[in-house]
């Protein structure tokens, strides 16, 4: 009888996934092995790991797998932004992995940024066994759905995999998650993975075949009937404005916008982070609006069409909220009804290039002076811009002018939030630059780390322009053994949050220096040198020119230039600048 039982077990082992567990072929880390295999099948190549103990199984499986390049960055917040920068540039899913507890919470700022910027991040958080949650065990918090408000999909993989049904469920969750990272639009996805001990020394040879399913991408189009309606509405309006928000470079869309900008009744407004360029576009929204006479109806659109992500310009938001426009169409495949200007009349959930490609054959130019009026005001603003800068003393405006004039071609430019991204909108660039900024949530955290990840991913010359608070807040970005030599950082140090000196309000509180501006007397010199970054400093116009030459020369490691700026004078000059634009 004993021999018959043994024979039956052998037969079952060859035919049943359930009994495979008894044969040692399935164990509680098999689900993790399947995760690595399915990710490899999808072409995901990079995993950014922050050291820990509970995520040891992730480290062990992925770092030994030939399909993956694993990097180690200790600070989870910096690691997540580094991965964000990589995924932002590559347009591919990049994974991050951390241990349990508060380590996962440090991912939150980058995940929120990825969510609103539509960047594909795969977030793997190791967790304690379910039975130990809220039981006083170390590094144990409630990790399920911890990013619920700013994540495309959040799930927990099975803690125990014992049979074929468990593997089927495990693999189904993995496939759904990887699909959600890219479709219908990219974004972050969270997999929480509880691990029981042992965390080390488990069998890593895969005896089972992972099951994956993917999504076939589709292209949404407007039906002819609706397109005819929209084109008829378009032709009724005499003043059309297309406002382009943040987006990655898109040559197809750029060509369509160039065609439309040739119409006398159409004006195309862009920002640096729009990444579409042409002489006929109004690329300096704040500069041009500074020259627009108040409440002049010649510059207000009848129809506003918005595309892309967020807009930096606070002036254009105020201008359009007060404009007596007749209609506002927002064109974006994301089905959010985003009514930034409080005039939204129609949301069109298709890609902008698809919409304009369908629209252009059905419309014709209208007799109008709208484009002419905007081009004339842009020329006026340009003349006043250069006239003002000729007589301006050393200040933030002159610093930016010098940077733009010195900037070598072919650079990717990352812009820190607060003043750098705003000053960048006032200047003309010769072209050939890609601009990125963490404008999804517009926080100052993680901007240096994002730039480092972007530079590492592309290998292209990359310049980060940041303020001092943003730099010091993310100085752990330099604590990174993968910091590439193609990364250059310009930190404009005006001794605090300079933006609070020229936005209305903080100066009237009596609390500005300590609680808004956060005045300080800190230098980046020792931070840079302690992390092995080449360091240069400039305190006046001549030193700035020399420092930029040194910064942009070929080097074997990352370099930074600290530019000391007079905060009070910079604020005065910026206020005077906007007054001068309308002279």
Protein backbone atom coordinates (compact mmCIF):
# COMPACT_ATOMS: atom_id res chain seq x y z
CA UNK A 1 0.00 0.00 0.00
CA UNK A 2 2.90 2.37 0.81
CA UNK A 3 4.38 1.80 -2.67
CA UNK A 4 1.08 2.64 -4.33
CA UNK A 5 0.88 5.96 -2.44
CA UNK A 6 4.39 6.89 -3.55
CA UNK A 7 3.58 5.99 -7.17
CA UNK A 8 0.37 8.08 -7.06
CA UNK A 9 2.28 11.08 -5.67
CA UNK A 10 4.86 10.91 -8.47
CA UNK A 11 2.11 10.83 -11.09
CA UNK A 12 0.36 13.78 -9.42
CA UNK A 13 3.61 15.79 -9.32
CA UNK A 14 3.91 15.60 -13.08
CA UNK A 15 0.32 16.65 -13.77
CA UNK A 16 -1.00 18.83 -10.97
CA UNK A 17 0.14 22.32 -9.98
CA UNK A 18 -1.46 21.77 -6.61
CA UNK A 19 0.77 18.83 -5.75
CA UNK A 20 3.82 20.60 -7.21
CA UNK A 21 4.03 22.46 -3.91
CA UNK A 22 4.58 19.15 -2.14
CA UNK A 23 7.40 18.40 -4.58
CA UNK A 24 9.17 21.64 -3.66
CA UNK A 25 8.42 23.34 -6.98
CA UNK A 26 6.13 26.10 -5.61
CA UNK A 27 6.93 28.12 -2.50
CA UNK A 28 5.89 31.44 -1.02
CA UNK A 29 8.39 33.44 -3.13
CA UNK A 30 7.28 31.87 -6.44
CA UNK A 31 4.92 34.80 -6.99
CA UNK A 32 7.90 37.16 -6.76
CA UNK A 33 9.83 35.07 -9.29
CA UNK A 34 6.86 35.36 -11.63
CA UNK A 35 6.81 39.14 -11.13
CA UNK A 36 10.44 39.41 -12.25
CA UNK A 37 9.84 37.15 -15.27
CA UNK A 38 6.74 39.03 -16.43
CA UNK A 39 8.48 42.39 -16.00
CA UNK A 40 11.41 41.05 -18.06
CA UNK A 41 8.98 39.85 -20.73
CA UNK A 42 7.53 43.38 -20.87
CA UNK A 43 10.97 44.90 -21.45
CA UNK A 44 11.23 46.68 -18.10
CA UNK A 45 14.95 46.95 -17.55
CA UNK A 46 15.70 49.16 -14.55
CA UNK A 47 14.97 48.85 -10.84
CA UNK A 48 16.03 51.49 -8.31
CA UNK A 49 16.46 49.83 -4.92
CA UNK A 50 16.77 51.44 -1.52
CA UNK A 51 18.48 49.14 1.00
CA UNK A 52 16.46 47.32 3.64
CA UNK A 53 15.80 43.90 5.10
CA UNK A 54 12.16 43.18 4.30
CA UNK A 55 12.77 43.89 0.61
CA UNK A 56 15.71 41.42 0.56
CA UNK A 57 13.73 38.94 -1.57
CA UNK A 58 13.15 41.66 -4.19
CA UNK A 59 16.83 42.59 -4.16
CA UNK A 60 17.91 38.95 -4.39
CA UNK A 61 15.61 38.06 -7.29
CA UNK A 62 15.97 41.17 -9.43
CA UNK A 63 19.66 41.88 -8.92
CA UNK A 64 20.55 38.33 -9.96
CA UNK A 65 18.27 38.39 -13.00
CA UNK A 66 20.14 39.08 -16.26
CA UNK A 67 17.30 41.22 -17.68
CA UNK A 68 17.56 43.93 -15.03
CA UNK A 69 19.93 46.74 -14.23
CA UNK A 70 19.59 47.41 -10.50
CA UNK A 71 20.80 50.67 -8.95
CA UNK A 72 21.04 51.39 -5.23
CA UNK A 73 20.04 54.80 -3.87
CA UNK A 74 19.73 54.99 -0.08
CA UNK A 75 17.31 57.91 0.28
CA UNK A 76 13.89 56.64 -0.86
CA UNK A 77 12.60 60.12 -1.72
CA UNK A 78 15.62 60.83 -3.90
CA UNK A 79 15.49 57.32 -5.40
CA UNK A 80 11.88 57.77 -6.48
CA UNK A 81 12.58 61.13 -8.11
CA UNK A 82 15.67 59.68 -9.81
CA UNK A 83 13.43 56.97 -11.29
CA UNK A 84 10.90 59.63 -12.24
CA UNK A 85 13.58 61.46 -14.22
CA UNK A 86 14.54 58.26 -16.01
CA UNK A 87 10.96 57.31 -16.89
CA UNK A 88 10.19 60.90 -17.90
CA UNK A 89 12.91 60.85 -20.52
CA UNK A 90 12.65 57.25 -21.70
CA UNK A 91 8.86 57.04 -21.81
CA UNK A 92 9.27 53.56 -20.35
CA UNK A 93 8.27 52.01 -17.04
CA UNK A 94 10.96 52.27 -14.37
CA UNK A 95 10.57 50.34 -11.11
CA UNK A 96 11.47 51.32 -7.56
CA UNK A 97 11.63 49.02 -4.53
CA UNK A 98 11.92 49.70 -0.81
CA UNK A 99 11.58 48.00 2.55
CA UNK A 100 8.52 48.18 4.79
CA UNK A 101 7.35 50.94 7.09
CA UNK A 102 8.01 54.65 6.65
CA UNK A 103 10.39 53.94 3.77
CA UNK A 104 7.35 53.60 1.51
CA UNK A 105 5.97 56.98 2.61
CA UNK A 106 9.10 58.70 1.33
CA UNK A 107 8.04 57.67 -2.18
CA UNK A 108 4.86 59.75 -1.96
CA UNK A 109 6.08 63.09 -3.42
CA UNK A 110 7.55 61.47 -6.53
CA UNK A 111 4.48 59.25 -7.00
CA UNK A 112 2.19 62.28 -6.84
CA UNK A 113 4.38 64.08 -9.37
CA UNK A 114 4.38 61.05 -11.67
CA UNK A 115 0.60 60.81 -11.40
CA UNK A 116 -0.04 64.39 -12.51
CA UNK A 117 2.80 64.37 -15.04
CA UNK A 118 1.68 60.99 -16.48
CA UNK A 119 5.02 59.24 -15.94
CA UNK A 120 5.10 55.41 -15.68
CA UNK A 121 6.55 54.38 -12.30
CA UNK A 122 6.17 50.86 -10.92
CA UNK A 123 6.32 51.06 -7.13
CA UNK A 124 7.22 47.85 -5.26
CA UNK A 125 6.93 48.12 -1.48
CA UNK A 126 7.92 45.16 0.66
CA UNK A 127 5.64 44.59 3.61
CA UNK A 128 5.41 42.54 6.80
CA UNK A 129 3.01 39.58 6.88
CA UNK A 130 -0.63 40.64 7.05
CA UNK A 131 -1.14 39.11 10.48
CA UNK A 132 1.46 41.47 11.99
CA UNK A 133 -0.09 44.76 10.86
CA UNK A 134 -0.98 46.94 13.91
CA UNK A 135 0.58 44.39 16.27
CA UNK A 136 3.59 46.43 17.36
CA UNK A 137 6.05 44.71 15.05
CA UNK A 138 8.99 46.81 13.80
CA UNK A 139 8.78 48.75 10.53
CA UNK A 140 5.13 47.85 10.18
CA UNK A 141 2.47 50.31 9.06
CA UNK A 142 -0.72 50.07 7.00
CA UNK A 143 0.79 49.99 3.51
CA UNK A 144 -2.13 48.75 1.43
CA UNK A 145 -3.53 51.61 -0.69
CA UNK A 146 -1.20 54.06 1.06
CA UNK A 147 -0.93 56.14 -2.16
CA UNK A 148 -4.65 55.85 -2.95
CA UNK A 149 -5.25 59.49 -3.90
CA UNK A 150 -2.49 59.74 -6.52
CA UNK A 151 -1.96 56.33 -8.04
CA UNK A 152 -3.44 54.74 -11.17
CA UNK A 153 -3.74 51.31 -9.57
CA UNK A 154 -2.89 49.90 -6.17
CA UNK A 155 -2.93 46.23 -5.18
CA UNK A 156 -1.38 43.68 -2.88
CA UNK A 157 0.18 40.49 -4.21
CA UNK A 158 -0.72 37.25 -2.45
CA UNK A 159 1.29 36.61 0.69
CA UNK A 160 1.27 32.87 0.11
CA UNK A 161 1.35 31.02 -3.21
CA UNK A 162 0.62 27.31 -2.82
CA UNK A 163 -1.10 26.10 -5.98
CA UNK A 164 -2.00 26.86 -9.59
CA UNK A 165 -4.98 29.03 -8.67
CA UNK A 166 -2.79 31.15 -6.39
CA UNK A 167 -0.28 31.60 -9.24
CA UNK A 168 -3.07 32.43 -11.67
CA UNK A 169 -4.33 35.15 -9.32
CA UNK A 170 -0.79 36.43 -8.65
CA UNK A 171 0.01 36.67 -12.37
CA UNK A 172 -3.31 38.27 -13.19
CA UNK A 173 -2.66 41.06 -10.68
CA UNK A 174 0.83 41.58 -12.11
CA UNK A 175 -0.46 41.81 -15.68
CA UNK A 176 -3.20 44.27 -14.70
CA UNK A 177 -0.65 46.43 -12.89
CA UNK A 178 1.88 46.54 -15.70
CA UNK A 179 -0.89 47.34 -18.17
CA UNK A 180 -2.10 50.20 -15.97
CA UNK A 181 1.43 51.69 -15.94
CA UNK A 182 1.11 52.45 -19.65
CA UNK A 183 -2.56 52.26 -20.73
CA UNK A 184 -4.67 54.09 -21.55
CA UNK A 185 -2.21 56.74 -20.36
CA UNK A 186 1.08 56.32 -18.44
CA UNK A 187 1.25 56.76 -14.70
CA UNK A 188 2.39 55.23 -11.39
CA UNK A 189 1.18 51.87 -10.10
CA UNK A 190 1.72 50.45 -6.61
CA UNK A 191 2.31 46.78 -5.76
CA UNK A 192 2.49 46.04 -2.05
CA UNK A 193 4.22 42.69 -1.42
CA UNK A 194 4.04 41.06 2.04
CA UNK A 195 6.91 38.64 2.73
CA UNK A 196 7.16 35.97 5.38
CA UNK A 197 10.52 34.75 6.62
CA UNK A 198 12.93 33.37 5.57
CA UNK A 199 13.88 36.44 3.53
CA UNK A 200 17.17 34.94 2.36
CA UNK A 201 18.36 31.68 0.85
CA UNK A 202 15.14 30.61 -0.87
CA UNK A 203 15.06 28.64 -4.13
CA UNK A 204 15.24 30.99 -7.13
CA UNK A 205 15.09 28.51 -9.97
CA UNK A 206 11.74 28.89 -11.68
CA UNK A 207 9.86 25.65 -12.33
CA UNK A 208 6.55 27.22 -13.38
CA UNK A 209 5.63 29.32 -16.41
CA UNK A 210 4.32 32.84 -15.75
CA UNK A 211 1.07 33.82 -17.45
CA UNK A 212 0.84 37.34 -18.87
CA UNK A 213 -1.70 39.28 -20.88
CA UNK A 214 -1.29 42.70 -22.46
CA UNK A 215 -3.49 45.44 -23.90
CA UNK A 216 -3.57 46.32 -27.58
CA UNK A 217 -3.23 50.10 -27.86
CA UNK A 218 -6.02 51.82 -29.77
CA UNK A 219 -6.43 55.26 -31.29
CA UNK A 220 -9.53 57.28 -30.36
CA UNK A 221 -11.06 59.36 -33.14
CA UNK A 222 -13.97 61.77 -33.25
CA UNK A 223 -16.86 60.67 -35.44
CA UNK A 224 -17.35 62.67 -38.63
CA UNK A 225 -20.67 64.00 -37.40
CA UNK A 226 -19.10 65.49 -34.27
CA UNK A 227 -16.08 66.74 -36.20
CA UNK A 228 -18.39 68.56 -38.60
CA UNK A 229 -20.12 70.21 -35.67
CA UNK A 230 -16.83 71.30 -34.13
CA UNK A 231 -15.44 72.63 -37.40
CA UNK A 232 -18.64 74.63 -37.95
CA UNK A 233 -18.28 76.10 -34.47
CA UNK A 234 -14.59 76.82 -35.13
CA UNK A 235 -15.41 78.70 -38.33
CA UNK A 236 -17.92 80.88 -36.49
CA UNK A 237 -15.32 82.24 -34.09
CA UNK A 238 -13.07 85.08 -35.30
CA UNK A 239 -10.43 84.90 -32.56
CA UNK A 240 -8.99 81.49 -31.70
CA UNK A 241 -6.30 80.94 -29.07
CA UNK A 242 -4.48 77.62 -28.61
CA UNK A 243 -2.72 77.44 -25.24
CA UNK A 244 -0.12 74.67 -24.96
CA UNK A 245 0.73 73.33 -21.50
CA UNK A 246 3.53 71.04 -20.37
CA UNK A 247 4.27 68.11 -22.68
CA UNK A 248 7.10 66.04 -24.08
CA UNK A 249 8.45 66.98 -27.53
CA UNK A 250 5.95 66.03 -30.25
CA UNK A 251 6.98 66.85 -33.81
CA UNK A 252 3.66 65.73 -35.30
CA UNK A 253 1.73 68.10 -33.08
CA UNK A 254 4.26 70.86 -33.64
CA UNK A 255 3.74 70.71 -37.42
CA UNK A 256 -0.03 70.90 -37.03
CA UNK A 257 0.28 73.90 -34.70
CA UNK A 258 2.59 75.62 -37.20
CA UNK A 259 -0.12 75.20 -39.86
CA UNK A 260 -2.75 76.70 -37.56
CA UNK A 261 -0.52 79.57 -36.45
CA UNK A 262 -0.37 80.73 -40.08
CA UNK A 263 -4.10 81.55 -39.91
CA UNK A 264 -4.78 85.24 -39.22
CA UNK A 265 -7.50 84.32 -36.71
CA UNK A 266 -5.34 81.92 -34.67
CA UNK A 267 -2.65 82.55 -32.07
CA UNK A 268 -0.62 79.76 -30.43
CA UNK A 269 0.71 80.49 -26.93
CA UNK A 270 3.45 78.25 -25.52
CA UNK A 271 5.81 77.98 -22.57
CA UNK A 272 9.29 76.52 -22.30
CA UNK A 273 7.84 73.27 -20.93
CA UNK A 274 5.44 73.00 -23.91
CA UNK A 275 8.40 71.76 -26.00
CA UNK A 276 6.91 72.98 -29.30
CA UNK A 277 8.76 75.77 -31.08
CA UNK A 278 8.24 78.10 -34.02
CA UNK A 279 8.79 81.84 -34.64
CA UNK A 280 5.04 82.30 -35.18
CA UNK A 281 4.21 81.02 -31.69
CA UNK A 282 3.93 83.45 -28.77
CA UNK A 283 6.50 81.72 -26.57
CA UNK A 284 6.75 84.36 -23.84
CA UNK A 285 3.28 84.50 -22.33
CA UNK A 286 4.15 86.56 -19.25
CA UNK A 287 6.40 88.90 -21.20
CA UNK A 288 3.76 89.52 -23.87
CA UNK A 289 0.88 89.82 -21.41
CA UNK A 290 2.89 92.44 -19.55
CA UNK A 291 2.56 94.63 -22.63
CA UNK A 292 -1.18 93.99 -23.23
CA UNK A 293 -3.35 97.01 -22.34
CA UNK A 294 -5.71 96.16 -19.49
CA UNK A 295 -9.15 94.91 -20.57
CA UNK A 296 -8.37 95.39 -24.27
CA UNK A 297 -10.82 93.08 -26.12
CA UNK A 298 -8.51 92.75 -29.15
CA UNK A 299 -6.41 90.17 -27.30
CA UNK A 300 -9.15 88.09 -25.68
CA UNK A 301 -10.12 84.93 -27.58
CA UNK A 302 -13.62 83.98 -28.63
CA UNK A 303 -12.54 80.34 -28.54
CA UNK A 304 -9.83 78.98 -26.25
CA UNK A 305 -8.40 75.53 -26.93
CA UNK A 306 -6.10 74.11 -24.23
CA UNK A 307 -3.83 71.11 -24.72
CA UNK A 308 -1.07 69.50 -22.67
CA UNK A 309 -0.52 69.63 -18.93
CA UNK A 310 -0.19 72.46 -16.46
CA UNK A 311 0.56 76.09 -17.31
CA UNK A 312 3.20 77.96 -15.31
CA UNK A 313 1.99 81.49 -16.04
CA UNK A 314 -0.18 82.91 -13.31
CA UNK A 315 -0.76 85.96 -15.48
CA UNK A 316 -2.41 84.04 -18.30
CA UNK A 317 -4.66 82.27 -15.80
CA UNK A 318 -5.88 85.63 -14.50
CA UNK A 319 -6.16 87.04 -18.02
CA UNK A 320 -8.28 84.16 -19.32
CA UNK A 321 -10.48 83.93 -16.23
CA UNK A 322 -11.44 87.56 -16.81
CA UNK A 323 -11.66 87.33 -20.61
CA UNK A 324 -15.16 87.42 -22.17
CA UNK A 325 -14.58 84.27 -24.24
CA UNK A 326 -17.49 82.42 -25.82
CA UNK A 327 -16.14 78.85 -25.57
CA UNK A 328 -13.29 76.80 -24.10
CA UNK A 329 -12.41 73.34 -25.45
CA UNK A 330 -9.98 71.20 -23.50
CA UNK A 331 -8.38 68.49 -25.65
CA UNK A 332 -6.74 65.67 -23.67
CA UNK A 333 -7.10 61.88 -23.72
CA UNK A 334 -7.25 62.01 -19.92
CA UNK A 335 -10.94 62.30 -19.17
CA UNK A 336 -10.55 64.89 -16.42
CA UNK A 337 -12.81 67.89 -16.95
CA UNK A 338 -10.03 70.38 -16.17
CA UNK A 339 -11.58 73.84 -15.94
CA UNK A 340 -8.52 75.92 -15.04
CA UNK A 341 -9.94 79.13 -16.53
CA UNK A 342 -13.54 78.70 -15.32
CA UNK A 343 -14.86 78.87 -18.89
CA UNK A 344 -14.86 75.21 -19.92
CA UNK A 345 -17.63 74.37 -22.38
CA UNK A 346 -16.37 71.12 -23.94
CA UNK A 347 -13.93 68.37 -22.97
CA UNK A 348 -12.58 66.38 -25.94
CA UNK A 349 -10.87 63.12 -24.79
CA UNK A 350 -8.52 62.48 -27.71
CA UNK A 351 -4.85 63.21 -28.37
CA UNK A 352 -4.22 66.79 -29.47
CA UNK A 353 -2.46 65.73 -32.66
CA UNK A 354 -5.41 63.48 -33.56
CA UNK A 355 -7.89 66.29 -32.96
CA UNK A 356 -6.05 68.88 -35.04
CA UNK A 357 -5.32 66.36 -37.80
CA UNK A 358 -9.07 65.76 -38.10
CA UNK A 359 -9.94 69.44 -37.74
CA UNK A 360 -7.57 71.16 -40.18
CA UNK A 361 -9.03 69.69 -43.42
CA UNK A 362 -12.48 70.94 -42.39
CA UNK A 363 -11.63 74.56 -41.51
CA UNK A 364 -10.42 77.63 -43.36
CA UNK A 365 -8.69 80.85 -42.29
CA UNK A 366 -10.99 83.70 -41.34
CA UNK A 367 -10.45 87.38 -41.93
CA UNK A 368 -9.12 88.65 -38.62
CA UNK A 369 -6.42 90.82 -37.00
CA UNK A 370 -6.15 88.56 -33.94
CA UNK A 371 -2.81 86.98 -34.84
CA UNK A 372 -1.41 90.31 -36.02
CA UNK A 373 -2.39 92.01 -32.76
CA UNK A 374 -0.65 89.37 -30.66
CA UNK A 375 2.49 89.38 -32.81
CA UNK A 376 2.70 93.16 -32.56
CA UNK A 377 2.34 93.10 -28.79
CA UNK A 378 5.00 90.39 -28.60
CA UNK A 379 7.37 92.59 -30.64
CA UNK A 380 6.68 95.54 -28.36
CA UNK A 381 7.37 93.42 -25.30
CA UNK A 382 10.56 92.09 -26.87
CA UNK A 383 11.90 95.61 -27.50
CA UNK A 384 11.07 96.73 -23.98
CA UNK A 385 12.56 93.50 -22.60
CA UNK A 386 15.96 94.12 -24.16
CA UNK A 387 15.87 97.84 -23.43
CA UNK A 388 15.28 97.13 -19.75
CA UNK A 389 17.98 94.48 -19.51
CA UNK A 390 20.58 96.79 -21.11
CA UNK A 391 20.37 99.04 -18.05
CA UNK A 392 19.62 96.43 -15.41
CA UNK A 393 22.10 95.83 -12.58
CA UNK A 394 23.26 92.37 -11.54
CA UNK A 395 20.14 90.52 -10.38
CA UNK A 396 18.15 87.36 -11.13
CA UNK A 397 17.00 88.72 -14.49
CA UNK A 398 20.56 89.45 -15.61
CA UNK A 399 21.68 86.08 -14.29
CA UNK A 400 19.08 84.30 -16.44
CA UNK A 401 19.95 86.44 -19.45
CA UNK A 402 23.61 85.46 -19.09
CA UNK A 403 22.76 81.78 -18.70
CA UNK A 404 20.60 81.83 -21.85
CA UNK A 405 23.28 83.63 -23.85
CA UNK A 406 25.98 81.18 -22.70
CA UNK A 407 23.99 77.93 -22.88
CA UNK A 408 25.55 75.47 -25.36
CA UNK A 409 23.23 73.88 -27.90
CA UNK A 410 21.86 70.36 -27.46
CA UNK A 411 21.20 70.54 -23.72
CA UNK A 412 18.18 69.10 -21.93
CA UNK A 413 17.08 71.62 -19.33
CA UNK A 414 15.40 70.77 -16.03
CA UNK A 415 13.81 73.72 -14.24
CA UNK A 416 13.31 73.95 -10.51
CA UNK A 417 10.01 75.29 -9.20
CA UNK A 418 9.28 78.74 -7.82
CA UNK A 419 11.50 81.36 -9.48
CA UNK A 420 13.62 79.37 -12.01
CA UNK A 421 10.70 77.99 -14.02
CA UNK A 422 9.07 81.44 -14.04
CA UNK A 423 12.17 83.38 -15.08
CA UNK A 424 12.76 80.88 -17.87
CA UNK A 425 9.49 81.95 -19.52
CA UNK A 426 10.78 85.48 -20.16
CA UNK A 427 13.61 84.60 -22.54
CA UNK A 428 13.94 83.41 -26.13
CA UNK A 429 15.92 80.24 -26.77
CA UNK A 430 17.60 79.44 -30.10
CA UNK A 431 16.05 75.95 -30.19
CA UNK A 432 17.33 72.44 -29.79
CA UNK A 433 16.53 72.31 -26.09
CA UNK A 434 14.12 70.05 -24.25
CA UNK A 435 12.59 71.56 -21.11
CA UNK A 436 11.23 69.58 -18.17
CA UNK A 437 10.05 70.61 -14.75
CA UNK A 438 8.17 68.90 -11.93
CA UNK A 439 5.03 70.91 -12.62
CA UNK A 440 2.64 68.05 -11.89
CA UNK A 441 2.49 69.12 -8.26
CA UNK A 442 4.94 72.06 -8.57
CA UNK A 443 6.86 71.16 -5.41
CA UNK A 444 10.50 72.03 -4.79
CA UNK A 445 11.30 68.55 -3.48
CA UNK A 446 13.18 66.15 -5.71
CA UNK A 447 14.08 68.43 -8.60
CA UNK A 448 17.84 67.69 -8.44
CA UNK A 449 17.19 63.96 -8.15
CA UNK A 450 14.85 64.10 -11.15
CA UNK A 451 17.49 65.86 -13.22
CA UNK A 452 20.11 63.31 -12.14
CA UNK A 453 17.85 60.44 -13.22
CA UNK A 454 17.10 62.14 -16.52
CA UNK A 455 20.80 62.71 -17.24
CA UNK A 456 21.65 59.13 -16.29
CA UNK A 457 18.92 57.71 -18.53
CA UNK A 458 19.68 59.72 -21.67
CA UNK A 459 23.42 60.29 -21.48
CA UNK A 460 22.71 63.71 -23.00
CA UNK A 461 24.07 66.99 -21.59
CA UNK A 462 21.57 67.99 -18.90
CA UNK A 463 21.34 71.29 -17.05
CA UNK A 464 19.41 71.73 -13.82
CA UNK A 465 18.56 75.32 -12.89
CA UNK A 466 17.31 75.57 -9.33
CA UNK A 467 16.88 77.97 -6.47
CA UNK A 468 18.72 77.61 -3.19
CA UNK A 469 15.84 76.21 -1.11
CA UNK A 470 15.08 73.59 -3.74
CA UNK A 471 18.75 72.62 -3.89
CA UNK A 472 19.25 72.28 -0.14
CA UNK A 473 15.94 70.47 0.24
CA UNK A 474 17.10 67.84 -2.26
CA UNK A 475 20.84 67.88 -1.58
CA UNK A 476 20.74 64.12 -0.98
CA UNK A 477 20.43 63.89 -4.76
CA UNK A 478 24.23 64.24 -4.80
CA UNK A 479 24.55 61.26 -2.44
CA UNK A 480 24.40 59.02 -5.46
CA UNK A 481 27.16 56.91 -6.97
CA UNK A 482 25.42 57.03 -10.36
CA UNK A 483 25.60 60.83 -10.63
CA UNK A 484 26.61 61.27 -14.28
CA UNK A 485 29.29 63.60 -15.62
CA UNK A 486 26.79 64.99 -18.16
CA UNK A 487 24.80 66.61 -15.31
CA UNK A 488 25.37 70.32 -14.67
CA UNK A 489 23.61 72.22 -11.88
CA UNK A 490 23.15 75.97 -11.59
CA UNK A 491 21.93 76.96 -8.16
CA UNK A 492 20.82 80.59 -7.81
CA UNK A 493 21.31 81.44 -4.16
CA UNK A 494 19.42 84.55 -3.10
CA UNK A 495 19.41 83.60 0.58
CA UNK A 496 15.86 82.24 0.71
CA UNK A 497 12.62 81.83 -1.20
CA UNK A 498 12.97 84.82 -3.50
CA UNK A 499 9.51 84.36 -4.98
CA UNK A 500 7.95 85.60 -1.74
CA UNK A 501 9.57 88.99 -2.25
CA UNK A 502 7.55 89.77 -5.36
CA UNK A 503 4.26 87.89 -5.01
CA UNK A 504 1.68 90.04 -3.22
CA UNK A 505 0.89 89.22 0.39
CA UNK A 506 3.87 87.81 2.32
CA UNK A 507 5.57 91.21 2.64
CA UNK A 508 2.52 92.55 4.51
CA UNK A 509 2.48 89.86 7.21
CA UNK A 510 5.58 90.92 9.15
CA UNK A 511 6.66 87.29 9.00
CA UNK A 512 8.23 87.15 5.55
CA UNK A 513 11.95 86.77 6.36
CA UNK A 514 11.63 83.89 8.81
CA UNK A 515 8.46 82.08 7.83
CA UNK A 516 7.98 82.67 4.10
CA UNK A 517 11.37 83.51 2.62
CA UNK A 518 13.23 81.30 5.13
CA UNK A 519 16.34 83.49 5.03
CA UNK A 520 19.66 81.72 5.42
CA UNK A 521 23.40 82.19 4.89
CA UNK A 522 24.22 78.69 3.68
CA UNK A 523 26.58 77.83 0.85
CA UNK A 524 26.57 74.68 -1.26
CA UNK A 525 30.36 74.50 -1.46
CA UNK A 526 30.97 71.89 1.21
CA UNK A 527 27.94 69.82 0.18
CA UNK A 528 29.21 69.65 -3.39
CA UNK A 529 32.76 68.85 -2.40
CA UNK A 530 31.75 66.20 0.13
CA UNK A 531 29.94 64.32 -2.64
CA UNK A 532 32.76 64.77 -5.15
CA UNK A 533 30.97 67.28 -7.40
CA UNK A 534 33.03 69.95 -9.16
CA UNK A 535 32.10 73.29 -7.62
CA UNK A 536 32.22 76.86 -8.93
CA UNK A 537 30.84 80.07 -7.45
CA UNK A 538 29.91 83.49 -8.86
CA UNK A 539 29.02 86.63 -6.93
CA UNK A 540 28.92 89.21 -9.75
CA UNK A 541 28.43 89.48 -13.52
CA UNK A 542 32.07 88.87 -14.47
CA UNK A 543 32.40 85.86 -12.18
CA UNK A 544 29.14 84.51 -13.60
CA UNK A 545 30.45 84.56 -17.16
CA UNK A 546 33.68 82.87 -16.09
CA UNK A 547 31.80 80.36 -13.95
CA UNK A 548 29.53 79.35 -16.83
CA UNK A 549 32.54 78.71 -19.05
CA UNK A 550 34.00 76.45 -16.36
CA UNK A 551 30.67 74.71 -15.73
CA UNK A 552 30.05 73.81 -19.37
CA UNK A 553 33.52 72.55 -20.16
CA UNK A 554 33.89 68.76 -20.59
CA UNK A 555 34.41 67.02 -17.25
CA UNK A 556 34.74 63.58 -15.74
CA UNK A 557 32.15 64.16 -13.04
CA UNK A 558 29.04 66.21 -12.34
CA UNK A 559 29.54 69.91 -11.73
CA UNK A 560 27.61 72.78 -10.18
CA UNK A 561 27.78 76.56 -10.23
CA UNK A 562 26.45 78.47 -7.23
CA UNK A 563 25.37 81.96 -8.28
CA UNK A 564 24.96 84.36 -5.39
CA UNK A 565 22.14 86.77 -6.18
CA UNK A 566 20.99 89.95 -4.36
CA UNK A 567 17.46 89.08 -3.24
CA UNK A 568 16.20 92.59 -2.57
CA UNK A 569 17.49 94.06 -5.82
CA UNK A 570 16.18 91.06 -7.80
CA UNK A 571 12.66 91.57 -6.49
CA UNK A 572 12.77 95.32 -7.22
CA UNK A 573 14.07 94.72 -10.74
CA UNK A 574 11.40 92.15 -11.54
CA UNK A 575 8.62 94.51 -10.48
CA UNK A 576 10.22 97.30 -12.51
CA UNK A 577 10.62 94.93 -15.47
CA UNK A 578 6.90 94.18 -15.74
CA UNK A 579 6.08 97.89 -15.50
CA UNK A 580 8.57 98.61 -18.28
CA UNK A 581 7.02 96.07 -20.65
CA UNK A 582 3.95 98.27 -21.14
CA UNK A 583 5.76 101.56 -21.74
